[in-house]
Amino acid sequence: MKLTIVVDNNTLIDRYLLGEPGFSLLLRDGGRRVLFDCGYSDVLCKNAARLGIDLGELDVVALSHGHLDHTWGLAHLLSLFNDRACEGRVGSRPLLVAHPDAFLPKRVSGMFIGSMVSETALGDHFTMRLTREPLRLTDWLFFLGEIPRRIPFEAPTPLGVRVTLKGAVPDLLPDDSALAYLGKKGLVIITGCAHAGICNIVAHAREVTGERRVSAIIGGLHLHDAAPDRIDAVAAWLAEAGVAALYPCHCTGFAATLALSRVLPVNEVGAGLSLTFD
């Protein structure tokens, strides 16, 4: 499996890509092309073009959750699909995988932070698969579905509200999910923001796949505003879990990255990074 980070807050030296506070990466596994998240803007399409990635030939788009910094790039992806169609280059109809709550309206402090593209509009371009259950995307790659919140120091706290048929409710982000690749050296766990808690995600990935070894974690860990005691608890848990490599990006935060680096092998990460796992 090969993955390439297309959108991140940071960029790598000498790659001359764009950065933004968002996240997206492309995975290639067994001939399947899976786009995980879409960033915030047209940076997705611009960076993909510079990296030689054809977004018109995707097999799957999987969303970690429904926030703007992971979904607003979908609007630009749809524009790319339409541009290709106008030129007579109609690609495949990708599968779009997400939690059923991913497209509910979301607000925080009066600001809309949900997807700007509706589930209905996306259905014109994608085969939709909204699921709370884990879903196998390739022979070795899993969408983890809804993540159980079991670890006490990662108990959920509301982030704004989501609007359901019964009205606005505090948003504990049940739609936050992740990917897990079952490799020869253990799990490669890929997160968007890890609102569900990275330790909860690792525990669930182990249950879904039956593999306990964790060879790498890549993605945002949403610890940028976490209290020091929570950061220390996460670092200790991941160290005890034997995480072999950590690539913290997007919403992890400098203080958390520094604390994690004291007990875990932390690697530099940013748009343009490519990694290969057997």
Protein backbone atom coordinates (compact mmCIF):
# COMPACT_ATOMS: atom_id res chain seq x y z
CA MET A 1 0.00 0.00 0.00
CA LYS A 2 1.29 3.44 -0.93
CA LEU A 3 -0.11 6.65 0.46
CA THR A 4 0.56 10.26 -0.43
CA ILE A 5 -0.51 13.22 1.69
CA VAL A 6 -2.18 15.68 -0.67
CA VAL A 7 -3.43 18.32 1.80
CA ASP A 8 -2.08 19.21 5.22
CA ASN A 9 -1.38 22.30 7.34
CA ASN A 10 2.33 21.84 6.54
CA THR A 11 4.25 21.21 3.36
CA LEU A 12 7.59 19.46 2.87
CA ILE A 13 10.73 21.32 1.86
CA ASP A 14 11.44 21.42 -1.88
CA ARG A 15 8.01 20.09 -2.90
CA TYR A 16 6.43 23.54 -3.57
CA LEU A 17 2.92 22.47 -2.71
CA LEU A 18 0.19 24.47 -0.99
CA GLY A 19 -0.77 24.09 2.66
CA GLU A 20 -4.03 24.84 4.42
CA PRO A 21 -5.70 23.87 7.72
CA GLY A 22 -7.27 20.76 6.23
CA PHE A 23 -6.42 17.18 5.38
CA SER A 24 -6.51 14.74 2.47
CA LEU A 25 -4.44 11.78 1.34
CA LEU A 26 -4.51 9.25 -1.49
CA LEU A 27 -3.99 5.52 -0.94
CA ARG A 28 -3.21 2.97 -3.61
CA ASP A 29 -3.74 -0.65 -2.67
CA GLY A 30 -4.09 -3.57 -5.04
CA GLY A 31 -4.94 -1.32 -7.95
CA ARG A 32 -7.62 0.53 -5.96
CA ARG A 33 -7.32 4.31 -5.50
CA VAL A 34 -8.85 5.61 -2.28
CA LEU A 35 -9.05 9.32 -1.47
CA PHE A 36 -9.38 9.92 2.27
CA ASP A 37 -10.87 13.34 3.00
CA CYS A 38 -10.83 16.32 0.64
CA GLY A 39 -9.41 19.28 2.53
CA TYR A 40 -11.01 22.73 2.70
CA SER A 41 -10.59 24.26 -0.75
CA ASP A 42 -9.21 23.83 -4.26
CA VAL A 43 -5.83 23.04 -2.70
CA LEU A 44 -6.85 19.38 -3.11
CA CYS A 45 -7.05 19.71 -6.89
CA LYS A 46 -4.02 21.99 -7.22
CA ASN A 47 -1.72 19.77 -5.15
CA ALA A 48 -3.02 16.61 -6.80
CA ALA A 49 -2.17 18.07 -10.23
CA ARG A 50 1.35 18.96 -9.08
CA LEU A 51 1.79 15.45 -7.68
CA GLY A 52 0.58 13.82 -10.89
CA ILE A 53 -2.55 12.41 -9.24
CA ASP A 54 -5.61 12.06 -11.48
CA LEU A 55 -8.59 12.69 -9.21
CA GLY A 56 -10.92 11.77 -12.05
CA GLU A 57 -9.92 8.11 -11.74
CA LEU A 58 -10.78 7.35 -8.11
CA ASP A 59 -12.37 4.15 -6.90
CA VAL A 60 -13.36 5.31 -3.41
CA VAL A 61 -13.70 8.56 -1.50
CA ALA A 62 -13.84 7.96 2.25
CA LEU A 63 -14.58 10.75 4.72
CA SER A 64 -13.28 10.78 8.27
CA HIS A 65 -16.11 13.10 9.40
CA GLY A 66 -18.28 15.94 8.17
CA HIS A 67 -16.32 19.07 9.13
CA LEU A 68 -15.49 21.77 6.61
CA ASP A 69 -11.71 21.21 6.65
CA HIS A 70 -12.25 17.64 5.44
CA THR A 71 -15.28 18.03 3.13
CA TRP A 72 -15.34 21.44 1.43
CA GLY A 73 -12.83 20.22 -1.13
CA LEU A 74 -15.62 17.94 -2.37
CA ALA A 75 -17.16 20.92 -4.20
CA HIS A 76 -13.95 21.36 -6.21
CA LEU A 77 -13.74 17.63 -6.84
CA LEU A 78 -17.25 17.72 -8.31
CA SER A 79 -16.23 20.64 -10.52
CA LEU A 80 -13.31 18.55 -11.76
CA PHE A 81 -15.68 15.67 -12.54
CA ASN A 82 -17.91 18.03 -14.54
CA ASP A 83 -14.95 19.55 -16.39
CA ARG A 84 -13.83 16.09 -17.44
CA ALA A 85 -17.35 15.19 -18.55
CA CYS A 86 -17.52 18.35 -20.71
CA GLU A 87 -14.33 17.19 -22.41
CA GLY A 88 -15.80 13.74 -23.01
CA ARG A 89 -13.53 12.12 -20.38
CA VAL A 90 -16.09 10.49 -18.14
CA GLY A 91 -14.35 8.53 -15.42
CA SER A 92 -15.60 5.85 -13.11
CA ARG A 93 -18.37 6.48 -10.59
CA PRO A 94 -16.53 6.28 -7.26
CA LEU A 95 -17.93 4.85 -4.06
CA LEU A 96 -18.32 7.47 -1.32
CA VAL A 97 -18.07 6.05 2.21
CA ALA A 98 -18.92 7.95 5.39
CA HIS A 99 -20.88 7.72 8.61
CA PRO A 100 -24.63 8.46 8.20
CA ASP A 101 -24.29 11.63 10.32
CA ALA A 102 -21.45 13.06 8.24
CA PHE A 103 -23.72 15.31 6.16
CA LEU A 104 -25.90 16.67 8.95
CA PRO A 105 -25.62 20.46 9.36
CA LYS A 106 -23.01 21.35 11.98
CA ARG A 107 -22.47 24.68 13.73
CA VAL A 108 -20.15 26.08 16.37
CA SER A 109 -20.47 29.60 17.83
CA GLY A 110 -22.95 30.48 15.09
CA MET A 111 -20.58 29.41 12.29
CA PHE A 112 -21.52 26.67 9.84
CA ILE A 113 -18.79 24.01 9.85
CA GLY A 114 -20.51 21.10 8.07
CA SER A 115 -20.33 19.90 4.48
CA MET A 116 -21.33 22.52 1.91
CA VAL A 117 -22.29 19.73 -0.53
CA SER A 118 -25.44 17.80 0.37
CA GLU A 119 -25.80 14.04 0.44
CA THR A 120 -28.34 14.37 -2.39
CA ALA A 121 -25.97 16.34 -4.63
CA LEU A 122 -23.17 13.89 -3.99
CA GLY A 123 -25.47 11.05 -5.01
CA ASP A 124 -25.42 12.43 -8.57
CA HIS A 125 -21.69 11.69 -8.80
CA PHE A 126 -20.99 8.89 -6.33
CA THR A 127 -22.38 5.57 -5.29
CA MET A 128 -23.19 6.41 -1.67
CA ARG A 129 -22.43 4.04 1.20
CA LEU A 130 -23.22 5.58 4.58
CA THR A 131 -22.53 3.12 7.37
CA ARG A 132 -21.96 2.92 11.10
CA GLU A 133 -20.40 -0.50 10.65
CA PRO A 134 -16.84 -1.25 9.53
CA LEU A 135 -16.48 -1.72 5.79
CA ARG A 136 -13.70 -3.43 3.84
CA LEU A 137 -12.56 -1.09 1.06
CA THR A 138 -9.85 -3.37 -0.36
CA ASP A 139 -8.54 -6.78 0.65
CA TRP A 140 -6.47 -5.14 3.42
CA LEU A 141 -7.98 -1.68 3.96
CA PHE A 142 -10.91 -1.06 6.32
CA PHE A 143 -13.19 1.90 6.97
CA LEU A 144 -13.74 1.59 10.73
CA GLY A 145 -17.28 2.96 11.00
CA GLU A 146 -18.48 4.42 14.29
CA ILE A 147 -15.78 4.33 16.96
CA PRO A 148 -16.82 3.17 20.47
CA ARG A 149 -15.71 5.69 23.13
CA ARG A 150 -14.42 3.46 25.91
CA ILE A 151 -11.17 4.94 27.21
CA PRO A 152 -11.90 7.27 30.17
CA PHE A 153 -9.37 10.01 29.35
CA GLU A 154 -10.81 10.20 25.81
CA ALA A 155 -14.42 10.67 26.91
CA PRO A 156 -16.21 12.75 24.24
CA THR A 157 -16.88 16.45 24.70
CA PRO A 158 -19.29 18.38 22.46
CA LEU A 159 -17.95 20.49 19.61
CA GLY A 160 -20.82 22.77 18.65
CA VAL A 161 -24.11 21.23 17.57
CA ARG A 162 -25.37 19.02 14.77
CA VAL A 163 -28.89 19.48 13.43
CA THR A 164 -30.98 16.31 13.35
CA LEU A 165 -34.64 15.74 12.48
CA LYS A 166 -35.35 16.34 16.18
CA GLY A 167 -33.49 19.64 16.22
CA ALA A 168 -30.02 20.77 17.28
CA VAL A 169 -28.15 18.51 19.70
CA PRO A 170 -24.65 18.80 21.19
CA ASP A 171 -22.27 17.28 18.65
CA LEU A 172 -20.16 14.49 20.12
CA LEU A 173 -19.05 13.67 16.58
CA PRO A 174 -20.29 10.08 16.27
CA ASP A 175 -19.42 10.42 12.57
CA ASP A 176 -15.68 10.61 13.31
CA SER A 177 -14.04 7.51 11.83
CA ALA A 178 -10.70 6.35 10.44
CA LEU A 179 -9.04 3.82 8.14
CA ALA A 180 -6.94 0.80 9.08
CA TYR A 181 -4.62 -1.05 6.71
CA LEU A 182 -3.71 -4.59 7.73
CA GLY A 183 -0.07 -4.87 6.72
CA LYS A 184 2.58 -7.53 7.21
CA LYS A 185 4.13 -5.60 10.10
CA GLY A 186 0.85 -4.64 11.74
CA LEU A 187 -1.80 -1.97 11.40
CA VAL A 188 -1.38 1.35 9.62
CA ILE A 189 -4.05 3.59 11.14
CA ILE A 190 -5.05 6.71 9.20
CA THR A 191 -7.05 9.45 10.90
CA GLY A 192 -8.60 12.72 9.82
CA CYS A 193 -8.91 14.51 13.16
CA ALA A 194 -9.35 11.62 15.64
CA HIS A 195 -12.19 13.41 17.43
CA ALA A 196 -13.17 9.95 18.69
CA GLY A 197 -9.77 9.73 20.42
CA ILE A 198 -6.74 8.10 18.86
CA CYS A 199 -6.56 5.45 21.59
CA ASN A 200 -10.24 4.58 21.07
CA ILE A 201 -9.51 4.35 17.34
CA VAL A 202 -6.54 2.03 17.82
CA ALA A 203 -8.54 -0.19 20.18
CA HIS A 204 -11.41 -0.42 17.67
CA ALA A 205 -9.06 -1.10 14.74
CA ARG A 206 -7.60 -4.00 16.69
CA GLU A 207 -11.07 -5.43 17.23
CA VAL A 208 -12.11 -5.00 13.61
CA THR A 209 -8.97 -6.52 12.09
CA GLY A 210 -7.85 -8.97 14.78
CA GLU A 211 -4.32 -7.51 14.60
CA ARG A 212 -2.76 -5.95 17.71
CA ARG A 213 0.54 -4.68 16.31
CA VAL A 214 0.52 -1.04 15.20
CA SER A 215 3.21 -0.25 12.67
CA ALA A 216 2.19 3.38 12.05
CA ILE A 217 -0.37 6.09 12.82
CA ILE A 218 -0.77 8.86 10.24
CA GLY A 219 -3.07 11.87 10.48
CA GLY A 220 -4.53 14.49 12.77
CA LEU A 221 -4.85 13.65 16.46
CA HIS A 222 -6.84 16.73 17.60
CA LEU A 223 -4.65 17.43 20.60
CA HIS A 224 -3.85 21.05 19.72
CA ASP A 225 -5.94 22.38 22.61
CA ALA A 226 -5.84 19.33 24.89
CA ALA A 227 -4.80 19.62 28.54
CA PRO A 228 -1.27 18.41 29.34
CA ASP A 229 -2.55 15.51 31.43
CA ARG A 230 -4.61 14.20 28.52
CA ILE A 231 -1.66 14.51 26.13
CA ASP A 232 0.53 12.61 28.58
CA ALA A 233 -2.12 9.90 28.97
CA VAL A 234 -2.42 9.50 25.19
CA ALA A 235 1.35 9.35 24.79
CA ALA A 236 1.67 6.69 27.52
CA TRP A 237 -1.17 4.60 26.05
CA LEU A 238 0.29 4.68 22.53
CA ALA A 239 3.74 3.82 23.84
CA GLU A 240 2.30 0.88 25.75
CA ALA A 241 0.49 -0.17 22.55
CA GLY A 242 3.89 -0.40 20.85
CA VAL A 243 3.24 2.09 18.04
CA ALA A 244 6.28 1.74 15.79
CA ALA A 245 6.00 5.05 13.91
CA LEU A 246 3.91 8.19 14.32
CA TYR A 247 3.19 10.81 11.66
CA PRO A 248 1.18 13.50 13.48
CA CYS A 249 -0.22 16.27 11.31
CA HIS A 250 -3.14 18.67 10.74
CA CYS A 251 -4.73 19.27 14.16
CA THR A 252 -2.23 17.54 16.45
CA GLY A 253 -0.51 20.72 17.66
CA PHE A 254 3.11 21.50 18.49
CA ALA A 255 2.92 20.87 22.24
CA ALA A 256 1.31 17.47 21.70
CA THR A 257 3.78 16.52 18.97
CA LEU A 258 6.67 17.45 21.26
CA ALA A 259 5.21 15.41 24.15
CA LEU A 260 4.56 12.42 21.89
CA SER A 261 8.11 12.57 20.55
CA ARG A 262 9.48 11.93 24.04
CA VAL A 263 8.07 8.39 24.11
CA LEU A 264 7.33 7.55 20.46
CA PRO A 265 9.22 7.67 17.13
CA VAL A 266 7.67 10.83 15.64
CA ASN A 267 8.34 11.60 11.97
CA GLU A 268 8.10 14.79 9.93
CA VAL A 269 4.96 15.00 7.85
CA GLY A 270 3.32 17.37 5.39
CA ALA A 271 1.77 17.69 1.95
CA GLY A 272 3.85 15.75 -0.55
CA LEU A 273 4.94 12.99 1.83
CA SER A 274 4.70 9.51 0.32
CA LEU A 275 4.98 6.32 2.36
CA THR A 276 4.86 2.65 1.37
CA PHE A 277 3.76 -0.22 3.61
CA ASP A 278 3.82 -3.94 2.86
